[in-house]
Amino acid sequence: MSKFGDLIDVNIPVLLSFFTEWNEQSVAMHPVLRDVAAAVGDKARVIKIDVEKNKELAEALRVKGLPTLIVYKQGEMKWRHSGEQDANTLIGVVKQFL
């Protein structure tokens, strides 16, 4: 968990996308997340987290539906959504925390 703390305790927004390779909606989000990352550049981070490989973290954050999208800034959860989102919506969400 300390690695996770280091990941989210930064001065820029961090968009986490919890996914699995067998979940179609999760996989459909991959190109959307690439677009978001390209749009925000180094002003924010976009990180995909495979629930299968990070079960403890997913349970600790009560990730139930996939994909689950969470924005953190300075270690604090600022926004959370379960289900697909389009790139423009996610870019807008991230930008409000810049």
C-alpha atoms as a PDB file:
ATOM      1  CA  MET A   1       0.000   0.000   0.000  1.00  0.00           C
ATOM      2  CA  SER A   2       2.880   2.405   0.566  1.00  0.00           C
ATOM      3  CA  LYS A   3       3.637   2.292  -3.172  1.00  0.00           C
ATOM      4  CA  PHE A   4       0.038   3.287  -3.820  1.00  0.00           C
ATOM      5  CA  GLY A   5       0.402   6.192  -1.406  1.00  0.00           C
ATOM      6  CA  ASP A   6       3.471   7.398  -3.290  1.00  0.00           C
ATOM      7  CA  LEU A   7       1.533   7.119  -6.537  1.00  0.00           C
ATOM      8  CA  ILE A   8      -1.412   9.297  -5.477  1.00  0.00           C
ATOM      9  CA  ASP A   9       0.255  11.713  -3.050  1.00  0.00           C
ATOM     10  CA  VAL A  10       1.410  14.145  -5.744  1.00  0.00           C
ATOM     11  CA  ASN A  11       0.505  17.725  -6.650  1.00  0.00           C
ATOM     12  CA  ILE A  12      -1.027  16.791  -9.991  1.00  0.00           C
ATOM     13  CA  PRO A  13      -4.266  14.888 -10.614  1.00  0.00           C
ATOM     14  CA  VAL A  14      -3.898  11.116 -10.989  1.00  0.00           C
ATOM     15  CA  LEU A  15      -6.624   9.318 -12.950  1.00  0.00           C
ATOM     16  CA  LEU A  16      -6.755   5.635 -12.034  1.00  0.00           C
ATOM     17  CA  SER A  17      -8.629   3.185 -14.221  1.00  0.00           C
ATOM     18  CA  PHE A  18      -9.332  -0.197 -12.625  1.00  0.00           C
ATOM     19  CA  PHE A  19      -9.820  -2.860 -15.297  1.00  0.00           C
ATOM     20  CA  THR A  20      -9.500  -6.513 -16.257  1.00  0.00           C
ATOM     21  CA  GLU A  21      -8.598  -7.858 -19.678  1.00  0.00           C
ATOM     22  CA  TRP A  22     -11.712 -10.055 -19.732  1.00  0.00           C
ATOM     23  CA  ASN A  23     -14.114  -7.133 -19.175  1.00  0.00           C
ATOM     24  CA  GLU A  24     -15.160  -5.636 -22.536  1.00  0.00           C
ATOM     25  CA  GLN A  25     -16.019  -2.205 -21.121  1.00  0.00           C
ATOM     26  CA  SER A  26     -12.618  -2.048 -19.424  1.00  0.00           C
ATOM     27  CA  VAL A  27     -10.785  -2.926 -22.630  1.00  0.00           C
ATOM     28  CA  ALA A  28     -12.877  -0.398 -24.571  1.00  0.00           C
ATOM     29  CA  MET A  29     -11.564   2.313 -22.215  1.00  0.00           C
ATOM     30  CA  HIS A  30      -7.889   1.761 -23.189  1.00  0.00           C
ATOM     31  CA  PRO A  31      -7.945   4.025 -26.300  1.00  0.00           C
ATOM     32  CA  VAL A  32     -10.015   6.598 -24.381  1.00  0.00           C
ATOM     33  CA  LEU A  33      -7.390   6.675 -21.624  1.00  0.00           C
ATOM     34  CA  ARG A  34      -4.631   7.118 -24.217  1.00  0.00           C
ATOM     35  CA  ASP A  35      -6.519  10.138 -25.588  1.00  0.00           C
ATOM     36  CA  VAL A  36      -6.910  11.586 -22.086  1.00  0.00           C
ATOM     37  CA  ALA A  37      -3.210  11.074 -21.346  1.00  0.00           C
ATOM     38  CA  ALA A  38      -2.265  12.786 -24.624  1.00  0.00           C
ATOM     39  CA  ALA A  39      -4.600  15.717 -23.901  1.00  0.00           C
ATOM     40  CA  VAL A  40      -3.389  16.399 -20.355  1.00  0.00           C
ATOM     41  CA  GLY A  41       0.291  15.692 -21.036  1.00  0.00           C
ATOM     42  CA  ASP A  42       2.527  16.057 -17.997  1.00  0.00           C
ATOM     43  CA  LYS A  43      -0.089  18.088 -16.080  1.00  0.00           C
ATOM     44  CA  ALA A  44      -1.700  14.848 -14.855  1.00  0.00           C
ATOM     45  CA  ARG A  45      -1.089  11.099 -14.753  1.00  0.00           C
ATOM     46  CA  VAL A  46      -3.286   8.389 -16.220  1.00  0.00           C
ATOM     47  CA  ILE A  47      -2.681   4.953 -14.713  1.00  0.00           C
ATOM     48  CA  LYS A  48      -4.374   1.642 -15.526  1.00  0.00           C
ATOM     49  CA  ILE A  49      -4.559  -0.857 -12.684  1.00  0.00           C
ATOM     50  CA  ASP A  50      -5.336  -4.505 -13.432  1.00  0.00           C
ATOM     51  CA  VAL A  51      -7.723  -5.722 -10.725  1.00  0.00           C
ATOM     52  CA  GLU A  52      -6.546  -9.323 -11.214  1.00  0.00           C
ATOM     53  CA  LYS A  53      -2.972  -8.328 -10.272  1.00  0.00           C
ATOM     54  CA  ASN A  54      -3.978  -5.844  -7.547  1.00  0.00           C
ATOM     55  CA  LYS A  55      -6.832  -7.591  -5.720  1.00  0.00           C
ATOM     56  CA  GLU A  56      -5.886  -6.192  -2.310  1.00  0.00           C
ATOM     57  CA  LEU A  57      -5.915  -2.604  -3.570  1.00  0.00           C
ATOM     58  CA  ALA A  58      -9.191  -3.114  -5.449  1.00  0.00           C
ATOM     59  CA  GLU A  59     -10.803  -4.540  -2.306  1.00  0.00           C
ATOM     60  CA  ALA A  60      -9.437  -1.731  -0.123  1.00  0.00           C
ATOM     61  CA  LEU A  61     -10.953   0.842  -2.506  1.00  0.00           C
ATOM     62  CA  ARG A  62     -14.182  -1.184  -2.796  1.00  0.00           C
ATOM     63  CA  VAL A  63     -13.942  -1.494  -6.569  1.00  0.00           C
ATOM     64  CA  LYS A  64     -17.035  -3.461  -7.588  1.00  0.00           C
ATOM     65  CA  GLY A  65     -17.972  -2.509 -11.163  1.00  0.00           C
ATOM     66  CA  LEU A  66     -15.534  -2.281 -14.042  1.00  0.00           C
ATOM     67  CA  PRO A  67     -14.157  -0.069 -15.255  1.00  0.00           C
ATOM     68  CA  THR A  68     -13.900   2.070 -12.105  1.00  0.00           C
ATOM     69  CA  LEU A  69     -12.324   5.486 -12.605  1.00  0.00           C
ATOM     70  CA  ILE A  70     -10.937   7.488  -9.681  1.00  0.00           C
ATOM     71  CA  VAL A  71      -9.148  10.849  -9.599  1.00  0.00           C
ATOM     72  CA  TYR A  72      -6.758  11.558  -6.727  1.00  0.00           C
ATOM     73  CA  LYS A  73      -4.829  14.721  -5.973  1.00  0.00           C
ATOM     74  CA  GLN A  74      -2.425  15.120  -3.048  1.00  0.00           C
ATOM     75  CA  GLY A  75      -3.500  11.729  -1.703  1.00  0.00           C
ATOM     76  CA  GLU A  76      -7.183  12.640  -1.571  1.00  0.00           C
ATOM     77  CA  MET A  77      -9.939  11.090  -3.683  1.00  0.00           C
ATOM     78  CA  LYS A  78     -11.569  13.898  -5.660  1.00  0.00           C
ATOM     79  CA  TRP A  79     -13.859  12.046  -8.075  1.00  0.00           C
ATOM     80  CA  ARG A  80     -15.075   8.497  -8.691  1.00  0.00           C
ATOM     81  CA  HIS A  81     -17.180   6.820 -11.374  1.00  0.00           C
ATOM     82  CA  SER A  82     -18.026   3.227 -12.289  1.00  0.00           C
ATOM     83  CA  GLY A  83     -18.629   2.472 -15.960  1.00  0.00           C
ATOM     84  CA  GLU A  84     -17.422   3.824 -19.266  1.00  0.00           C
ATOM     85  CA  GLN A  85     -16.768   7.508 -19.899  1.00  0.00           C
ATOM     86  CA  ASP A  86     -15.845   9.313 -23.107  1.00  0.00           C
ATOM     87  CA  ALA A  87     -12.502  11.068 -23.497  1.00  0.00           C
ATOM     88  CA  ASN A  88     -13.912  14.617 -23.453  1.00  0.00           C
ATOM     89  CA  THR A  89     -15.744  14.015 -20.176  1.00  0.00           C
ATOM     90  CA  LEU A  90     -12.647  12.542 -18.536  1.00  0.00           C
ATOM     91  CA  ILE A  91     -10.424  15.353 -19.835  1.00  0.00           C
ATOM     92  CA  GLY A  92     -12.874  17.855 -18.320  1.00  0.00           C
ATOM     93  CA  VAL A  93     -12.892  16.007 -14.985  1.00  0.00           C
ATOM     94  CA  VAL A  94      -9.096  15.887 -14.791  1.00  0.00           C
ATOM     95  CA  LYS A  95      -8.717  19.533 -15.842  1.00  0.00           C
ATOM     96  CA  GLN A  96     -10.946  20.752 -13.002  1.00  0.00           C
ATOM     97  CA  PHE A  97      -8.323  19.459 -10.547  1.00  0.00           C
ATOM     98  CA  LEU A  98      -5.271  21.003 -12.261  1.00  0.00           C
END
